[in-house]
PDB file of all heavy atoms in Angstrom:
ATOM      1  N   ASP A   1    -226.361 -30.180-132.575  1.00  0.00           N
ATOM      2  CA  ASP A   1    -226.013 -31.582-132.379  1.00  0.00           C
ATOM      3  C   ASP A   1    -226.568 -32.170-131.091  1.00  0.00           C
ATOM      4  O   ASP A   1    -226.697 -33.380-130.959  1.00  0.00           O
ATOM      5  CB  ASP A   1    -224.505 -31.773-132.391  1.00  0.00           C
ATOM      6  CG  ASP A   1    -223.928 -31.493-133.795  1.00  0.00           C
ATOM      7  OD1 ASP A   1    -224.677 -31.222-134.723  1.00  0.00           O
ATOM      8  OD2 ASP A   1    -222.669 -31.470-133.901  1.00  0.00           O
ATOM      9  N   ASP A   2    -226.783 -31.330-130.094  1.00  0.00           N
ATOM     10  CA  ASP A   2    -227.179 -31.815-128.777  1.00  0.00           C
ATOM     11  C   ASP A   2    -228.654 -32.086-128.640  1.00  0.00           C
ATOM     12  O   ASP A   2    -229.093 -32.593-127.588  1.00  0.00           O
ATOM     13  CB  ASP A   2    -226.759 -30.846-127.687  1.00  0.00           C
ATOM     14  CG  ASP A   2    -225.236 -30.770-127.539  1.00  0.00           C
ATOM     15  OD1 ASP A   2    -224.565 -31.779-127.897  1.00  0.00           O
ATOM     16  OD2 ASP A   2    -224.691 -29.752-127.071  1.00  0.00           O
ATOM     17  N   HIS A   3    -229.447 -31.730-129.680  1.00  0.00           N
ATOM     18  CA  HIS A   3    -230.938 -31.907-129.545  1.00  0.00           C
ATOM     19  C   HIS A   3    -231.563 -32.564-130.768  1.00  0.00           C
ATOM     20  O   HIS A   3    -232.805 -32.770-130.743  1.00  0.00           O
ATOM     21  CB  HIS A   3    -231.635 -30.517-129.297  1.00  0.00           C
ATOM     22  CG  HIS A   3    -231.308 -29.940-127.965  1.00  0.00           C
ATOM     23  ND1 HIS A   3    -232.115 -30.248-126.877  1.00  0.00           N
ATOM     24  CD2 HIS A   3    -230.329 -29.133-127.527  1.00  0.00           C
ATOM     25  CE1 HIS A   3    -231.647 -29.576-125.790  1.00  0.00           C
ATOM     26  NE2 HIS A   3    -230.553 -28.940-126.175  1.00  0.00           N
ATOM     27  N   ALA A   4    -230.804 -32.905-131.777  1.00  0.00           N
ATOM     28  CA  ALA A   4    -231.378 -33.472-133.017  1.00  0.00           C
ATOM     29  C   ALA A   4    -231.149 -34.967-133.063  1.00  0.00           C
ATOM     30  O   ALA A   4    -230.165 -35.538-132.582  1.00  0.00           O
ATOM     31  CB  ALA A   4    -230.745 -32.823-134.215  1.00  0.00           C
ATOM     32  N   ILE A   5    -232.147 -35.659-133.628  1.00  0.00           N
ATOM     33  CA  ILE A   5    -232.104 -37.110-133.835  1.00  0.00           C
ATOM     34  C   ILE A   5    -232.627 -37.402-135.229  1.00  0.00           C
ATOM     35  O   ILE A   5    -233.584 -36.814-135.694  1.00  0.00           O
ATOM     36  CB  ILE A   5    -233.001 -37.816-132.819  1.00  0.00           C
ATOM     37  CG1 ILE A   5    -232.469 -37.656-131.364  1.00  0.00           C
ATOM     38  CG2 ILE A   5    -233.138 -39.303-133.180  1.00  0.00           C
ATOM     39  CD1 ILE A   5    -233.438 -38.153-130.308  1.00  0.00           C
ATOM     40  N   ILE A   6    -231.957 -38.344-135.925  1.00  0.00           N
ATOM     41  CA  ILE A   6    -232.400 -38.795-137.226  1.00  0.00           C
ATOM     42  C   ILE A   6    -233.059 -40.152-137.092  1.00  0.00           C
ATOM     43  O   ILE A   6    -232.500 -41.056-136.475  1.00  0.00           O
ATOM     44  CB  ILE A   6    -231.209 -38.863-138.254  1.00  0.00           C
ATOM     45  CG1 ILE A   6    -230.562 -37.498-138.433  1.00  0.00           C
ATOM     46  CG2 ILE A   6    -231.718 -39.408-139.581  1.00  0.00           C
ATOM     47  CD1 ILE A   6    -231.457 -36.463-139.037  1.00  0.00           C
ATOM     48  N   VAL A   7    -234.234 -40.340-137.713  1.00  0.00           N
ATOM     49  CA  VAL A   7    -234.982 -41.604-137.738  1.00  0.00           C
ATOM     50  C   VAL A   7    -235.192 -41.966-139.204  1.00  0.00           C
ATOM     51  O   VAL A   7    -235.155 -41.078-140.058  1.00  0.00           O
ATOM     52  CB  VAL A   7    -236.283 -41.528-136.955  1.00  0.00           C
ATOM     53  CG1 VAL A   7    -236.030 -41.203-135.478  1.00  0.00           C
ATOM     54  CG2 VAL A   7    -237.219 -40.517-137.603  1.00  0.00           C
ATOM     55  N   THR A   8    -235.534 -43.217-139.445  1.00  0.00           N
ATOM     56  CA  THR A   8    -235.931 -43.546-140.794  1.00  0.00           C
ATOM     57  C   THR A   8    -237.425 -43.461-141.037  1.00  0.00           C
ATOM     58  O   THR A   8    -237.878 -43.170-142.144  1.00  0.00           O
ATOM     59  CB  THR A   8    -235.527 -45.031-141.126  1.00  0.00           C
ATOM     60  OG1 THR A   8    -236.204 -45.946-140.243  1.00  0.00           O
ATOM     61  CG2 THR A   8    -234.018 -45.234-140.996  1.00  0.00           C
ATOM     62  N   ASP A   9    -238.263 -43.671-139.981  1.00  0.00           N
ATOM     63  CA  ASP A   9    -239.736 -43.877-140.162  1.00  0.00           C
ATOM     64  C   ASP A   9    -239.966 -44.940-141.198  1.00  0.00           C
ATOM     65  O   ASP A   9    -240.852 -44.839-142.058  1.00  0.00           O
ATOM     66  CB  ASP A   9    -240.367 -42.542-140.606  1.00  0.00           C
ATOM     67  CG  ASP A   9    -241.906 -42.573-140.461  1.00  0.00           C
ATOM     68  OD1 ASP A   9    -242.403 -43.458-139.731  1.00  0.00           O
ATOM     69  OD2 ASP A   9    -242.567 -41.724-141.035  1.00  0.00           O
ATOM     70  N   ALA A  10    -239.157 -45.997-141.120  1.00  0.00           N
ATOM     71  CA  ALA A  10    -239.201 -47.059-142.105  1.00  0.00           C
ATOM     72  C   ALA A  10    -240.489 -47.836-142.128  1.00  0.00           C
ATOM     73  O   ALA A  10    -241.077 -48.153-141.052  1.00  0.00           O
ATOM     74  CB  ALA A  10    -238.060 -48.028-141.892  1.00  0.00           C
ATOM     75  N   VAL A  11    -240.979 -48.169-143.318  1.00  0.00           N
ATOM     76  CA  VAL A  11    -242.103 -49.059-143.529  1.00  0.00           C
ATOM     77  C   VAL A  11    -241.630 -50.302-144.185  1.00  0.00           C
ATOM     78  O   VAL A  11    -240.454 -50.436-144.464  1.00  0.00           O
ATOM     79  CB  VAL A  11    -243.258 -48.360-144.313  1.00  0.00           C
ATOM     80  CG1 VAL A  11    -243.843 -47.185-143.512  1.00  0.00           C
ATOM     81  CG2 VAL A  11    -242.745 -47.854-145.638  1.00  0.00           C
ATOM     82  N   ALA A  12    -242.522 -51.215-144.421  1.00  0.00           N
ATOM     83  CA  ALA A  12    -242.139 -52.573-144.909  1.00  0.00           C
ATOM     84  C   ALA A  12    -241.159 -52.546-146.085  1.00  0.00           C
ATOM     85  O   ALA A  12    -240.254 -53.394-146.129  1.00  0.00           O
ATOM     86  CB  ALA A  12    -243.378 -53.367-145.289  1.00  0.00           C
ATOM     87  N   PRO A  13    -241.258 -51.636-147.070  1.00  0.00           N
ATOM     88  CA  PRO A  13    -240.316 -51.745-148.201  1.00  0.00           C
ATOM     89  C   PRO A  13    -238.878 -51.405-147.846  1.00  0.00           C
ATOM     90  O   PRO A  13    -237.975 -51.675-148.664  1.00  0.00           O
ATOM     91  CB  PRO A  13    -240.876 -50.677-149.153  1.00  0.00           C
ATOM     92  CG  PRO A  13    -242.274 -50.473-148.731  1.00  0.00           C
ATOM     93  CD  PRO A  13    -242.294 -50.667-147.277  1.00  0.00           C
ATOM     94  N   ALA A  14    -238.632 -50.826-146.708  1.00  0.00           N
ATOM     95  CA  ALA A  14    -237.272 -50.402-146.329  1.00  0.00           C
ATOM     96  C   ALA A  14    -236.301 -51.557-146.383  1.00  0.00           C
ATOM     97  O   ALA A  14    -236.578 -52.628-145.900  1.00  0.00           O
ATOM     98  CB  ALA A  14    -237.233 -49.788-144.934  1.00  0.00           C
ATOM     99  N   GLY A  15    -235.163 -51.381-147.041  1.00  0.00           N
ATOM    100  CA  GLY A  15    -234.177 -52.377-147.171  1.00  0.00           C
ATOM    101  C   GLY A  15    -234.329 -53.279-148.366  1.00  0.00           C
ATOM    102  O   GLY A  15    -233.516 -54.141-148.651  1.00  0.00           O
ATOM    103  N   LEU A  16    -235.462 -53.117-149.127  1.00  0.00           N
ATOM    104  CA  LEU A  16    -235.735 -53.976-150.263  1.00  0.00           C
ATOM    105  C   LEU A  16    -235.637 -53.278-151.637  1.00  0.00           C
ATOM    106  O   LEU A  16    -235.117 -53.836-152.579  1.00  0.00           O
ATOM    107  CB  LEU A  16    -237.090 -54.634-150.120  1.00  0.00           C
ATOM    108  CG  LEU A  16    -237.279 -55.662-149.035  1.00  0.00           C
ATOM    109  CD1 LEU A  16    -238.664 -56.251-149.101  1.00  0.00           C
ATOM    110  CD2 LEU A  16    -236.210 -56.767-149.159  1.00  0.00           C
ATOM    111  N   GLY A  17    -236.190 -52.076-151.747  1.00  0.00           N
ATOM    112  CA  GLY A  17    -236.242 -51.393-153.014  1.00  0.00           C
ATOM    113  C   GLY A  17    -237.658 -51.311-153.564  1.00  0.00           C
ATOM    114  O   GLY A  17    -238.625 -51.532-152.862  1.00  0.00           O
ATOM    115  N   PRO A  18    -237.788 -50.939-154.855  1.00  0.00           N
ATOM    116  CA  PRO A  18    -239.095 -50.720-155.446  1.00  0.00           C
ATOM    117  C   PRO A  18    -239.991 -51.951-155.382  1.00  0.00           C
ATOM    118  O   PRO A  18    -239.509 -53.087-155.371  1.00  0.00           O
ATOM    119  CB  PRO A  18    -238.781 -50.331-156.915  1.00  0.00           C
ATOM    120  CG  PRO A  18    -237.385 -49.871-156.841  1.00  0.00           C
ATOM    121  CD  PRO A  18    -236.693 -50.658-155.803  1.00  0.00           C
ATOM    122  N   GLY A  19    -241.354 -51.746-155.365  1.00  0.00           N
ATOM    123  CA  GLY A  19    -242.270 -52.816-155.314  1.00  0.00           C
ATOM    124  C   GLY A  19    -243.588 -52.430-154.683  1.00  0.00           C
ATOM    125  O   GLY A  19    -243.812 -51.273-154.406  1.00  0.00           O
ATOM    126  N   ARG A  20    -244.449 -53.371-154.467  1.00  0.00           N
ATOM    127  CA  ARG A  20    -245.776 -53.132-153.815  1.00  0.00           C
ATOM    128  C   ARG A  20    -245.780 -53.791-152.475  1.00  0.00           C
ATOM    129  O   ARG A  20    -245.372 -54.933-152.276  1.00  0.00           O
ATOM    130  CB  ARG A  20    -246.887 -53.718-154.706  1.00  0.00           C
ATOM    131  CG  ARG A  20    -248.268 -53.363-154.178  1.00  0.00           C
ATOM    132  CD  ARG A  20    -249.366 -53.831-155.114  1.00  0.00           C
ATOM    133  NE  ARG A  20    -249.328 -53.123-156.411  1.00  0.00           N
ATOM    134  CZ  ARG A  20    -249.893 -51.932-156.586  1.00  0.00           C
ATOM    135  NH1 ARG A  20    -250.548 -51.325-155.617  1.00  0.00           N
ATOM    136  NH2 ARG A  20    -249.805 -51.341-157.762  1.00  0.00           N
ATOM    137  N   TYR A  21    -246.146 -52.981-151.443  1.00  0.00           N
ATOM    138  CA  TYR A  21    -246.085 -53.422-150.021  1.00  0.00           C
ATOM    139  C   TYR A  21    -247.316 -52.892-149.274  1.00  0.00           C
ATOM    140  O   TYR A  21    -248.055 -52.034-149.792  1.00  0.00           O
ATOM    141  CB  TYR A  21    -244.796 -52.897-149.374  1.00  0.00           C
ATOM    142  CG  TYR A  21    -243.568 -53.233-150.110  1.00  0.00           C
ATOM    143  CD1 TYR A  21    -243.033 -52.348-151.038  1.00  0.00           C
ATOM    144  CD2 TYR A  21    -242.853 -54.438-149.862  1.00  0.00           C
ATOM    145  CE1 TYR A  21    -241.844 -52.664-151.712  1.00  0.00           C
ATOM    146  CE2 TYR A  21    -241.703 -54.744-150.544  1.00  0.00           C
ATOM    147  CZ  TYR A  21    -241.205 -53.848-151.452  1.00  0.00           C
ATOM    148  OH  TYR A  21    -240.032 -54.165-152.138  1.00  0.00           O
ATOM    149  N   ASN A  22    -247.455 -53.340-148.043  1.00  0.00           N
ATOM    150  CA  ASN A  22    -248.542 -52.909-147.184  1.00  0.00           C
ATOM    151  C   ASN A  22    -247.983 -52.223-145.937  1.00  0.00           C
ATOM    152  O   ASN A  22    -246.936 -52.545-145.438  1.00  0.00           O
ATOM    153  CB  ASN A  22    -249.391 -54.115-146.722  1.00  0.00           C
ATOM    154  CG  ASN A  22    -250.167 -54.736-147.859  1.00  0.00           C
ATOM    155  OD1 ASN A  22    -250.689 -54.027-148.677  1.00  0.00           O
ATOM    156  ND2 ASN A  22    -250.170 -56.040-147.887  1.00  0.00           N
ATOM    157  N   LEU A  23    -248.752 -51.233-145.456  1.00  0.00           N
ATOM    158  CA  LEU A  23    -248.535 -50.605-144.161  1.00  0.00           C
ATOM    159  C   LEU A  23    -249.917 -50.352-143.560  1.00  0.00           C
ATOM    160  O   LEU A  23    -250.640 -49.457-144.050  1.00  0.00           O
ATOM    161  CB  LEU A  23    -247.776 -49.299-144.233  1.00  0.00           C
ATOM    162  CG  LEU A  23    -247.732 -48.445-142.939  1.00  0.00           C
ATOM    163  CD1 LEU A  23    -247.037 -49.206-141.824  1.00  0.00           C
ATOM    164  CD2 LEU A  23    -247.064 -47.132-143.155  1.00  0.00           C
ATOM    165  N   GLY A  24    -250.311 -51.113-142.526  1.00  0.00           N
ATOM    166  CA  GLY A  24    -251.640 -50.987-141.986  1.00  0.00           C
ATOM    167  C   GLY A  24    -252.689 -51.123-143.067  1.00  0.00           C
ATOM    168  O   GLY A  24    -252.741 -52.148-143.780  1.00  0.00           O
TER     169      GLY A  24
END
């Protein structure tokens, strides 16, 4: 617990659901 971190590495679709999106 003292050295771990959780990230999302979220890209544009995060928070929306299925679909077509861009990243770079």
